Amino acid sequence: MKIFEVTEPNFDIVDDTSFYMRNDPEFYRKQYFPTMASIADMHSKGKDIDPRKCLGDMVNHGCTSYCKKYNLAKHPDELFTKEIRDSIIDKIFAEEIDEIKKGEYK
């Protein structure tokens, strides 16, 4: 007996999740901004930035929050594979590092 089955979404989950993380006021305030501010601080101090290490926890929280908000999966791992999480990290880092270099998040 199947109780619950997660199907592939018919939209770009990486784009949608990263958009959610940036635009949900509560998530942005509690998770996204503090994480970016920390990365900006590391950058200003000339420290090496490992995107997986710096963004991994925030992205994991974001995936959980996204699933709860949109009632997409009982557990985030059902929808967000390691590859998808890595793609979200890559996307966010690529977009935000340019802003950080311009002085954002100080």
PDB file of N, CA and C in Angstrom:
ATOM      1  N   MET A   1       0.829  -1.176   0.000  1.00  0.00           N
ATOM      2  CA  MET A   1       0.000   0.000   0.000  1.00  0.00           C
ATOM      3  C   MET A   1       0.879   1.246   0.000  1.00  0.00           C
ATOM      4  N   LYS A   2       0.728   2.111  -1.003  1.00  0.00           N
ATOM      5  CA  LYS A   2       1.461   3.364  -1.069  1.00  0.00           C
ATOM      6  C   LYS A   2       0.711   4.417  -0.268  1.00  0.00           C
ATOM      7  N   ILE A   3       1.431   5.020   0.626  1.00  0.00           N
ATOM      8  CA  ILE A   3       0.825   6.075   1.433  1.00  0.00           C
ATOM      9  C   ILE A   3       1.131   7.438   0.840  1.00  0.00           C
ATOM     10  N   PHE A   4       2.381   7.634   0.415  1.00  0.00           N
ATOM     11  CA  PHE A   4       2.789   8.942  -0.069  1.00  0.00           C
ATOM     12  C   PHE A   4       3.906   8.749  -1.071  1.00  0.00           C
ATOM     13  N   GLU A   5       3.801   9.393  -2.191  1.00  0.00           N
ATOM     14  CA  GLU A   5       4.836   9.311  -3.200  1.00  0.00           C
ATOM     15  C   GLU A   5       5.168  10.718  -3.674  1.00  0.00           C
ATOM     16  N   VAL A   6       6.455  11.033  -3.693  1.00  0.00           N
ATOM     17  CA  VAL A   6       6.900  12.331  -4.163  1.00  0.00           C
ATOM     18  C   VAL A   6       7.234  12.197  -5.636  1.00  0.00           C
ATOM     19  N   THR A   7       6.679  13.052  -6.436  1.00  0.00           N
ATOM     20  CA  THR A   7       6.981  13.045  -7.860  1.00  0.00           C
ATOM     21  C   THR A   7       7.881  14.226  -8.180  1.00  0.00           C
ATOM     22  N   GLU A   8       8.569  14.129  -9.299  1.00  0.00           N
ATOM     23  CA  GLU A   8       9.414  15.230  -9.738  1.00  0.00           C
ATOM     24  C   GLU A   8       8.550  16.457  -9.990  1.00  0.00           C
ATOM     25  N   PRO A   9       8.961  17.606  -9.488  1.00  0.00           N
ATOM     26  CA  PRO A   9       8.189  18.821  -9.751  1.00  0.00           C
ATOM     27  C   PRO A   9       8.278  19.195 -11.227  1.00  0.00           C
ATOM     28  N   ASN A  10       7.280  19.892 -11.724  1.00  0.00           N
ATOM     29  CA  ASN A  10       7.279  20.305 -13.120  1.00  0.00           C
ATOM     30  C   ASN A  10       7.794  21.741 -13.264  1.00  0.00           C
ATOM     31  N   PHE A  11       8.713  22.124 -12.389  1.00  0.00           N
ATOM     32  CA  PHE A  11       9.351  23.439 -12.426  1.00  0.00           C
ATOM     33  C   PHE A  11      10.793  23.262 -11.986  1.00  0.00           C
ATOM     34  N   ASP A  12      11.597  24.291 -12.136  1.00  0.00           N
ATOM     35  CA  ASP A  12      13.009  24.220 -11.760  1.00  0.00           C
ATOM     36  C   ASP A  12      13.132  24.371 -10.241  1.00  0.00           C
ATOM     37  N   ILE A  13      13.328  23.263  -9.583  1.00  0.00           N
ATOM     38  CA  ILE A  13      13.369  23.244  -8.114  1.00  0.00           C
ATOM     39  C   ILE A  13      14.549  24.050  -7.567  1.00  0.00           C
ATOM     40  N   VAL A  14      15.663  24.068  -8.277  1.00  0.00           N
ATOM     41  CA  VAL A  14      16.832  24.832  -7.830  1.00  0.00           C
ATOM     42  C   VAL A  14      16.517  26.324  -7.854  1.00  0.00           C
ATOM     43  N   ASP A  15      15.991  26.811  -8.973  1.00  0.00           N
ATOM     44  CA  ASP A  15      15.634  28.231  -9.074  1.00  0.00           C
ATOM     45  C   ASP A  15      14.551  28.615  -8.073  1.00  0.00           C
ATOM     46  N   ASP A  16      13.533  27.780  -7.972  1.00  0.00           N
ATOM     47  CA  ASP A  16      12.414  28.105  -7.098  1.00  0.00           C
ATOM     48  C   ASP A  16      12.835  28.136  -5.630  1.00  0.00           C
ATOM     49  N   THR A  17      13.648  27.191  -5.224  1.00  0.00           N
ATOM     50  CA  THR A  17      14.086  27.132  -3.826  1.00  0.00           C
ATOM     51  C   THR A  17      15.019  28.287  -3.490  1.00  0.00           C
ATOM     52  N   SER A  18      15.946  28.597  -4.384  1.00  0.00           N
ATOM     53  CA  SER A  18      16.847  29.719  -4.106  1.00  0.00           C
ATOM     54  C   SER A  18      16.060  31.036  -4.078  1.00  0.00           C
ATOM     55  N   PHE A  19      15.055  31.168  -4.954  1.00  0.00           N
ATOM     56  CA  PHE A  19      14.188  32.350  -4.938  1.00  0.00           C
ATOM     57  C   PHE A  19      13.448  32.439  -3.602  1.00  0.00           C
ATOM     58  N   TYR A  20      12.914  31.324  -3.145  1.00  0.00           N
ATOM     59  CA  TYR A  20      12.214  31.280  -1.858  1.00  0.00           C
ATOM     60  C   TYR A  20      13.138  31.744  -0.725  1.00  0.00           C
ATOM     61  N   MET A  21      14.358  31.229  -0.698  1.00  0.00           N
ATOM     62  CA  MET A  21      15.279  31.563   0.388  1.00  0.00           C
ATOM     63  C   MET A  21      15.574  33.057   0.434  1.00  0.00           C
ATOM     64  N   ARG A  22      15.684  33.675  -0.735  1.00  0.00           N
ATOM     65  CA  ARG A  22      15.956  35.110  -0.797  1.00  0.00           C
ATOM     66  C   ARG A  22      14.729  35.964  -0.491  1.00  0.00           C
ATOM     67  N   ASN A  23      13.560  35.458  -0.776  1.00  0.00           N
ATOM     68  CA  ASN A  23      12.368  36.305  -0.741  1.00  0.00           C
ATOM     69  C   ASN A  23      11.376  36.026   0.378  1.00  0.00           C
ATOM     70  N   ASP A  24      11.521  34.932   1.088  1.00  0.00           N
ATOM     71  CA  ASP A  24      10.653  34.701   2.236  1.00  0.00           C
ATOM     72  C   ASP A  24      11.199  35.553   3.391  1.00  0.00           C
ATOM     73  N   PRO A  25      10.418  36.521   3.868  1.00  0.00           N
ATOM     74  CA  PRO A  25      10.937  37.456   4.876  1.00  0.00           C
ATOM     75  C   PRO A  25      11.511  36.789   6.122  1.00  0.00           C
ATOM     76  N   GLU A  26      10.827  35.798   6.638  1.00  0.00           N
ATOM     77  CA  GLU A  26      11.302  35.145   7.857  1.00  0.00           C
ATOM     78  C   GLU A  26      12.594  34.360   7.609  1.00  0.00           C
ATOM     79  N   PHE A  27      12.616  33.577   6.530  1.00  0.00           N
ATOM     80  CA  PHE A  27      13.824  32.800   6.228  1.00  0.00           C
ATOM     81  C   PHE A  27      14.992  33.737   5.947  1.00  0.00           C
ATOM     82  N   TYR A  28      14.757  34.765   5.172  1.00  0.00           N
ATOM     83  CA  TYR A  28      15.825  35.709   4.838  1.00  0.00           C
ATOM     84  C   TYR A  28      16.410  36.329   6.104  1.00  0.00           C
ATOM     85  N   ARG A  29      15.547  36.782   6.974  1.00  0.00           N
ATOM     86  CA  ARG A  29      15.986  37.464   8.196  1.00  0.00           C
ATOM     87  C   ARG A  29      16.731  36.526   9.148  1.00  0.00           C
ATOM     88  N   LYS A  30      16.236  35.307   9.289  1.00  0.00           N
ATOM     89  CA  LYS A  30      16.822  34.391  10.269  1.00  0.00           C
ATOM     90  C   LYS A  30      17.990  33.565   9.740  1.00  0.00           C
ATOM     91  N   GLN A  31      17.989  33.261   8.446  1.00  0.00           N
ATOM     92  CA  GLN A  31      18.999  32.356   7.903  1.00  0.00           C
ATOM     93  C   GLN A  31      19.874  32.991   6.814  1.00  0.00           C
ATOM     94  N   TYR A  32      19.202  33.518   5.786  1.00  0.00           N
ATOM     95  CA  TYR A  32      19.927  33.941   4.587  1.00  0.00           C
ATOM     96  C   TYR A  32      20.863  35.114   4.866  1.00  0.00           C
ATOM     97  N   PHE A  33      20.324  36.209   5.386  1.00  0.00           N
ATOM     98  CA  PHE A  33      21.153  37.388   5.623  1.00  0.00           C
ATOM     99  C   PHE A  33      22.316  37.102   6.576  1.00  0.00           C
ATOM    100  N   PRO A  34      22.089  36.460   7.721  1.00  0.00           N
ATOM    101  CA  PRO A  34      23.234  36.188   8.604  1.00  0.00           C
ATOM    102  C   PRO A  34      24.319  35.332   7.940  1.00  0.00           C
ATOM    103  N   THR A  35      23.902  34.387   7.107  1.00  0.00           N
ATOM    104  CA  THR A  35      24.877  33.547   6.410  1.00  0.00           C
ATOM    105  C   THR A  35      25.683  34.376   5.418  1.00  0.00           C
ATOM    106  N   MET A  36      25.009  35.215   4.663  1.00  0.00           N
ATOM    107  CA  MET A  36      25.710  36.060   3.691  1.00  0.00           C
ATOM    108  C   MET A  36      26.611  37.075   4.394  1.00  0.00           C
ATOM    109  N   ALA A  37      26.165  37.615   5.509  1.00  0.00           N
ATOM    110  CA  ALA A  37      26.987  38.553   6.272  1.00  0.00           C
ATOM    111  C   ALA A  37      28.259  37.868   6.778  1.00  0.00           C
ATOM    112  N   SER A  38      28.132  36.619   7.185  1.00  0.00           N
ATOM    113  CA  SER A  38      29.295  35.854   7.635  1.00  0.00           C
ATOM    114  C   SER A  38      30.278  35.621   6.482  1.00  0.00           C
ATOM    115  N   ILE A  39      29.751  35.301   5.308  1.00  0.00           N
ATOM    116  CA  ILE A  39      30.609  35.101   4.143  1.00  0.00           C
ATOM    117  C   ILE A  39      31.267  36.426   3.755  1.00  0.00           C
ATOM    118  N   ALA A  40      30.530  37.517   3.819  1.00  0.00           N
ATOM    119  CA  ALA A  40      31.089  38.839   3.507  1.00  0.00           C
ATOM    120  C   ALA A  40      32.219  39.175   4.471  1.00  0.00           C
ATOM    121  N   ASP A  41      32.048  38.840   5.732  1.00  0.00           N
ATOM    122  CA  ASP A  41      33.088  39.073   6.732  1.00  0.00           C
ATOM    123  C   ASP A  41      34.335  38.245   6.412  1.00  0.00           C
ATOM    124  N   MET A  42      34.127  36.993   6.061  1.00  0.00           N
ATOM    125  CA  MET A  42      35.259  36.136   5.677  1.00  0.00           C
ATOM    126  C   MET A  42      35.983  36.724   4.466  1.00  0.00           C
ATOM    127  N   HIS A  43      35.217  37.189   3.493  1.00  0.00           N
ATOM    128  CA  HIS A  43      35.804  37.771   2.280  1.00  0.00           C
ATOM    129  C   HIS A  43      36.625  39.009   2.615  1.00  0.00           C
ATOM    130  N   SER A  44      36.079  39.871   3.461  1.00  0.00           N
ATOM    131  CA  SER A  44      36.794  41.109   3.802  1.00  0.00           C
ATOM    132  C   SER A  44      38.076  40.831   4.584  1.00  0.00           C
ATOM    133  N   LYS A  45      38.123  39.703   5.269  1.00  0.00           N
ATOM    134  CA  LYS A  45      39.320  39.318   6.017  1.00  0.00           C
ATOM    135  C   LYS A  45      40.283  38.487   5.180  1.00  0.00           C
ATOM    136  N   GLY A  46      39.922  38.252   3.917  1.00  0.00           N
ATOM    137  CA  GLY A  46      40.795  37.508   3.018  1.00  0.00           C
ATOM    138  C   GLY A  46      40.833  36.010   3.265  1.00  0.00           C
ATOM    139  N   LYS A  47      39.841  35.491   3.964  1.00  0.00           N
ATOM    140  CA  LYS A  47      39.800  34.059   4.263  1.00  0.00           C
ATOM    141  C   LYS A  47      39.266  33.278   3.060  1.00  0.00           C
ATOM    142  N   ASP A  48      39.692  32.032   2.955  1.00  0.00           N
ATOM    143  CA  ASP A  48      39.158  31.155   1.922  1.00  0.00           C
ATOM    144  C   ASP A  48      37.706  30.826   2.248  1.00  0.00           C
ATOM    145  N   ILE A  49      36.884  30.808   1.214  1.00  0.00           N
ATOM    146  CA  ILE A  49      35.463  30.543   1.398  1.00  0.00           C
ATOM    147  C   ILE A  49      35.117  29.239   0.698  1.00  0.00           C
ATOM    148  N   ASP A  50      34.684  28.279   1.485  1.00  0.00           N
ATOM    149  CA  ASP A  50      34.220  26.999   0.949  1.00  0.00           C
ATOM    150  C   ASP A  50      32.696  27.065   0.897  1.00  0.00           C
ATOM    151  N   PRO A  51      32.124  27.192  -0.309  1.00  0.00           N
ATOM    152  CA  PRO A  51      30.667  27.350  -0.402  1.00  0.00           C
ATOM    153  C   PRO A  51      29.879  26.243   0.293  1.00  0.00           C
ATOM    154  N   ARG A  52      30.338  25.009   0.193  1.00  0.00           N
ATOM    155  CA  ARG A  52      29.610  23.890   0.810  1.00  0.00           C
ATOM    156  C   ARG A  52      29.588  24.034   2.323  1.00  0.00           C
ATOM    157  N   LYS A  53      30.711  24.430   2.865  1.00  0.00           N
ATOM    158  CA  LYS A  53      30.817  24.585   4.313  1.00  0.00           C
ATOM    159  C   LYS A  53      30.024  25.800   4.794  1.00  0.00           C
ATOM    160  N   CYS A  54      30.106  26.885   4.057  1.00  0.00           N
ATOM    161  CA  CYS A  54      29.465  28.132   4.472  1.00  0.00           C
ATOM    162  C   CYS A  54      27.957  28.143   4.238  1.00  0.00           C
ATOM    163  N   LEU A  55      27.503  27.483   3.179  1.00  0.00           N
ATOM    164  CA  LEU A  55      26.090  27.556   2.810  1.00  0.00           C
ATOM    165  C   LEU A  55      25.304  26.277   3.094  1.00  0.00           C
ATOM    166  N   GLY A  56      25.996  25.198   3.411  1.00  0.00           N
ATOM    167  CA  GLY A  56      25.328  23.902   3.574  1.00  0.00           C
ATOM    168  C   GLY A  56      24.207  23.899   4.593  1.00  0.00           C
ATOM    169  N   ASP A  57      24.468  24.410   5.787  1.00  0.00           N
ATOM    170  CA  ASP A  57      23.431  24.417   6.831  1.00  0.00           C
ATOM    171  C   ASP A  57      22.247  25.292   6.436  1.00  0.00           C
ATOM    172  N   MET A  58      22.541  26.460   5.867  1.00  0.00           N
ATOM    173  CA  MET A  58      21.460  27.356   5.462  1.00  0.00           C
ATOM    174  C   MET A  58      20.594  26.696   4.386  1.00  0.00           C
ATOM    175  N   VAL A  59      21.227  26.062   3.413  1.00  0.00           N
ATOM    176  CA  VAL A  59      20.466  25.406   2.345  1.00  0.00           C
ATOM    177  C   VAL A  59      19.649  24.251   2.910  1.00  0.00           C
ATOM    178  N   ASN A  60      20.204  23.492   3.831  1.00  0.00           N
ATOM    179  CA  ASN A  60      19.435  22.406   4.456  1.00  0.00           C
ATOM    180  C   ASN A  60      18.206  22.959   5.179  1.00  0.00           C
ATOM    181  N   HIS A  61      18.392  24.049   5.929  1.00  0.00           N
ATOM    182  CA  HIS A  61      17.250  24.686   6.597  1.00  0.00           C
ATOM    183  C   HIS A  61      16.247  25.193   5.568  1.00  0.00           C
ATOM    184  N   GLY A  62      16.765  25.758   4.481  1.00  0.00           N
ATOM    185  CA  GLY A  62      15.897  26.284   3.435  1.00  0.00           C
ATOM    186  C   GLY A  62      15.066  25.205   2.769  1.00  0.00           C
ATOM    187  N   CYS A  63      15.669  24.049   2.528  1.00  0.00           N
ATOM    188  CA  CYS A  63      14.938  22.933   1.918  1.00  0.00           C
ATOM    189  C   CYS A  63      13.821  22.456   2.839  1.00  0.00           C
ATOM    190  N   THR A  64      14.114  22.369   4.118  1.00  0.00           N
ATOM    191  CA  THR A  64      13.103  21.957   5.096  1.00  0.00           C
ATOM    192  C   THR A  64      11.967  22.978   5.157  1.00  0.00           C
ATOM    193  N   SER A  65      12.328  24.243   5.238  1.00  0.00           N
ATOM    194  CA  SER A  65      11.343  25.314   5.320  1.00  0.00           C
ATOM    195  C   SER A  65      10.486  25.368   4.052  1.00  0.00           C
ATOM    196  N   TYR A  66      11.104  25.196   2.909  1.00  0.00           N
ATOM    197  CA  TYR A  66      10.410  25.209   1.612  1.00  0.00           C
ATOM    198  C   TYR A  66       9.388  24.078   1.548  1.00  0.00           C
ATOM    199  N   CYS A  67       9.800  22.889   1.964  1.00  0.00           N
ATOM    200  CA  CYS A  67       8.872  21.743   1.962  1.00  0.00           C
ATOM    201  C   CYS A  67       7.685  21.982   2.880  1.00  0.00           C
ATOM    202  N   LYS A  68       7.940  22.524   4.057  1.00  0.00           N
ATOM    203  CA  LYS A  68       6.855  22.794   4.998  1.00  0.00           C
ATOM    204  C   LYS A  68       5.903  23.861   4.464  1.00  0.00           C
ATOM    205  N   LYS A  69       6.472  24.933   3.931  1.00  0.00           N
ATOM    206  CA  LYS A  69       5.634  26.033   3.459  1.00  0.00           C
ATOM    207  C   LYS A  69       4.725  25.600   2.313  1.00  0.00           C
ATOM    208  N   TYR A  70       5.260  24.803   1.394  1.00  0.00           N
ATOM    209  CA  TYR A  70       4.492  24.420   0.210  1.00  0.00           C
ATOM    210  C   TYR A  70       3.961  22.987   0.266  1.00  0.00           C
ATOM    211  N   ASN A  71       4.133  22.340   1.417  1.00  0.00           N
ATOM    212  CA  ASN A  71       3.619  20.986   1.636  1.00  0.00           C
ATOM    213  C   ASN A  71       4.001  20.038   0.490  1.00  0.00           C
ATOM    214  N   LEU A  72       5.302  19.989   0.197  1.00  0.00           N
ATOM    215  CA  LEU A  72       5.779  19.226  -0.951  1.00  0.00           C
ATOM    216  C   LEU A  72       6.233  17.810  -0.632  1.00  0.00           C
ATOM    217  N   ALA A  73       6.770  17.600   0.539  1.00  0.00           N
ATOM    218  CA  ALA A  73       7.281  16.270   0.872  1.00  0.00           C
ATOM    219  C   ALA A  73       7.237  16.096   2.378  1.00  0.00           C
ATOM    220  N   LYS A  74       7.050  14.872   2.780  1.00  0.00           N
ATOM    221  CA  LYS A  74       7.020  14.575   4.212  1.00  0.00           C
ATOM    222  C   LYS A  74       8.390  14.860   4.824  1.00  0.00           C
ATOM    223  N   HIS A  75       9.433  14.538   4.091  1.00  0.00           N
ATOM    224  CA  HIS A  75      10.801  14.786   4.523  1.00  0.00           C
ATOM    225  C   HIS A  75      11.568  15.410   3.361  1.00  0.00           C
ATOM    226  N   PRO A  76      12.347  16.468   3.599  1.00  0.00           N
ATOM    227  CA  PRO A  76      13.038  17.162   2.514  1.00  0.00           C
ATOM    228  C   PRO A  76      13.931  16.261   1.653  1.00  0.00           C
ATOM    229  N   ASP A  77      14.500  15.207   2.242  1.00  0.00           N
ATOM    230  CA  ASP A  77      15.371  14.316   1.469  1.00  0.00           C
ATOM    231  C   ASP A  77      14.616  13.596   0.355  1.00  0.00           C
ATOM    232  N   GLU A  78      13.296  13.533   0.458  1.00  0.00           N
ATOM    233  CA  GLU A  78      12.500  12.904  -0.591  1.00  0.00           C
ATOM    234  C   GLU A  78      12.510  13.747  -1.860  1.00  0.00           C
ATOM    235  N   LEU A  79      12.674  15.033  -1.725  1.00  0.00           N
ATOM    236  CA  LEU A  79      12.640  15.948  -2.859  1.00  0.00           C
ATOM    237  C   LEU A  79      14.020  16.494  -3.207  1.00  0.00           C
ATOM    238  N   PHE A  80      14.808  16.793  -2.179  1.00  0.00           N
ATOM    239  CA  PHE A  80      16.099  17.442  -2.379  1.00  0.00           C
ATOM    240  C   PHE A  80      17.246  16.447  -2.242  1.00  0.00           C
ATOM    241  N   THR A  81      17.697  15.950  -3.378  1.00  0.00           N
ATOM    242  CA  THR A  81      18.853  15.050  -3.381  1.00  0.00           C
ATOM    243  C   THR A  81      20.110  15.863  -3.090  1.00  0.00           C
ATOM    244  N   LYS A  82      21.204  15.181  -2.868  1.00  0.00           N
ATOM    245  CA  LYS A  82      22.486  15.859  -2.651  1.00  0.00           C
ATOM    246  C   LYS A  82      22.839  16.704  -3.873  1.00  0.00           C
ATOM    247  N   GLU A  83      22.570  16.194  -5.052  1.00  0.00           N
ATOM    248  CA  GLU A  83      22.880  16.927  -6.279  1.00  0.00           C
ATOM    249  C   GLU A  83      22.067  18.223  -6.378  1.00  0.00           C
ATOM    250  N   ILE A  84      20.806  18.150  -6.006  1.00  0.00           N
ATOM    251  CA  ILE A  84      19.972  19.358  -6.044  1.00  0.00           C
ATOM    252  C   ILE A  84      20.448  20.357  -5.002  1.00  0.00           C
ATOM    253  N   ARG A  85      20.762  19.877  -3.814  1.00  0.00           N
ATOM    254  CA  ARG A  85      21.270  20.779  -2.764  1.00  0.00           C
ATOM    255  C   ARG A  85      22.581  21.430  -3.208  1.00  0.00           C
ATOM    256  N   ASP A  86      23.456  20.639  -3.813  1.00  0.00           N
ATOM    257  CA  ASP A  86      24.723  21.188  -4.311  1.00  0.00           C
ATOM    258  C   ASP A  86      24.479  22.239  -5.394  1.00  0.00           C
ATOM    259  N   SER A  87      23.500  22.004  -6.245  1.00  0.00           N
ATOM    260  CA  SER A  87      23.171  22.975  -7.297  1.00  0.00           C
ATOM    261  C   SER A  87      22.628  24.273  -6.694  1.00  0.00           C
ATOM    262  N   ILE A  88      21.845  24.151  -5.631  1.00  0.00           N
ATOM    263  CA  ILE A  88      21.333  25.352  -4.944  1.00  0.00           C
ATOM    264  C   ILE A  88      22.501  26.132  -4.347  1.00  0.00           C
ATOM    265  N   ILE A  89      23.418  25.434  -3.701  1.00  0.00           N
ATOM    266  CA  ILE A  89      24.607  26.082  -3.130  1.00  0.00           C
ATOM    267  C   ILE A  89      25.394  26.794  -4.225  1.00  0.00           C
ATOM    268  N   ASP A  90      25.643  26.094  -5.336  1.00  0.00           N
ATOM    269  CA  ASP A  90      26.411  26.685  -6.437  1.00  0.00           C
ATOM    270  C   ASP A  90      25.724  27.933  -6.980  1.00  0.00           C
ATOM    271  N   LYS A  91      24.424  27.862  -7.157  1.00  0.00           N
ATOM    272  CA  LYS A  91      23.659  28.988  -7.701  1.00  0.00           C
ATOM    273  C   LYS A  91      23.720  30.193  -6.760  1.00  0.00           C
ATOM    274  N   ILE A  92      23.429  29.969  -5.494  1.00  0.00           N
ATOM    275  CA  ILE A  92      23.431  31.067  -4.526  1.00  0.00           C
ATOM    276  C   ILE A  92      24.821  31.675  -4.415  1.00  0.00           C
ATOM    277  N   PHE A  93      25.838  30.830  -4.312  1.00  0.00           N
ATOM    278  CA  PHE A  93      27.198  31.350  -4.155  1.00  0.00           C
ATOM    279  C   PHE A  93      27.618  32.159  -5.381  1.00  0.00           C
ATOM    280  N   ALA A  94      27.351  31.644  -6.563  1.00  0.00           N
ATOM    281  CA  ALA A  94      27.732  32.348  -7.786  1.00  0.00           C
ATOM    282  C   ALA A  94      27.050  33.707  -7.873  1.00  0.00           C
ATOM    283  N   GLU A  95      25.804  33.772  -7.480  1.00  0.00           N
ATOM    284  CA  GLU A  95      25.072  35.041  -7.537  1.00  0.00           C
ATOM    285  C   GLU A  95      25.474  36.000  -6.427  1.00  0.00           C
ATOM    286  N   GLU A  96      25.711  35.495  -5.245  1.00  0.00           N
ATOM    287  CA  GLU A  96      25.968  36.370  -4.099  1.00  0.00           C
ATOM    288  C   GLU A  96      27.419  36.805  -3.967  1.00  0.00           C
ATOM    289  N   ILE A  97      28.371  36.008  -4.431  1.00  0.00           N
ATOM    290  CA  ILE A  97      29.773  36.396  -4.250  1.00  0.00           C
ATOM    291  C   ILE A  97      30.071  37.697  -4.996  1.00  0.00           C
ATOM    292  N   ASP A  98      29.454  37.903  -6.147  1.00  0.00           N
ATOM    293  CA  ASP A  98      29.649  39.175  -6.865  1.00  0.00           C
ATOM    294  C   ASP A  98      29.106  40.340  -6.049  1.00  0.00           C
ATOM    295  N   GLU A  99      27.956  40.149  -5.415  1.00  0.00           N
ATOM    296  CA  GLU A  99      27.377  41.205  -4.573  1.00  0.00           C
ATOM    297  C   GLU A  99      28.249  41.456  -3.348  1.00  0.00           C
ATOM    298  N   ILE A 100      28.772  40.401  -2.781  1.00  0.00           N
ATOM    299  CA  ILE A 100      29.651  40.526  -1.614  1.00  0.00           C
ATOM    300  C   ILE A 100      30.909  41.314  -1.996  1.00  0.00           C
ATOM    301  N   LYS A 101      31.462  41.026  -3.163  1.00  0.00           N
ATOM    302  CA  LYS A 101      32.650  41.748  -3.623  1.00  0.00           C
ATOM    303  C   LYS A 101      32.358  43.223  -3.851  1.00  0.00           C
ATOM    304  N   LYS A 102      31.103  43.563  -4.121  1.00  0.00           N
ATOM    305  CA  LYS A 102      30.694  44.957  -4.315  1.00  0.00           C
ATOM    306  C   LYS A 102      30.392  45.657  -2.982  1.00  0.00           C
ATOM    307  N   GLY A 103      30.472  44.913  -1.873  1.00  0.00           N
ATOM    308  CA  GLY A 103      30.248  45.514  -0.567  1.00  0.00           C
ATOM    309  C   GLY A 103      28.916  45.241   0.087  1.00  0.00           C
ATOM    310  N   GLU A 104      28.117  44.361  -0.500  1.00  0.00           N
ATOM    311  CA  GLU A 104      26.838  44.014   0.114  1.00  0.00           C
ATOM    312  C   GLU A 104      27.051  43.178   1.378  1.00  0.00           C
ATOM    313  N   TYR A 105      26.054  43.167   2.238  1.00  0.00           N
ATOM    314  CA  TYR A 105      26.005  42.369   3.465  1.00  0.00           C
ATOM    315  C   TYR A 105      27.010  42.806   4.523  1.00  0.00           C
ATOM    316  N   LYS A 106      27.395  44.063   4.504  1.00  0.00           N
ATOM    317  CA  LYS A 106      28.303  44.555   5.550  1.00  0.00           C
ATOM    318  C   LYS A 106      27.524  45.171   6.665  1.00  0.00           C
TER     319      LYS A 106
END
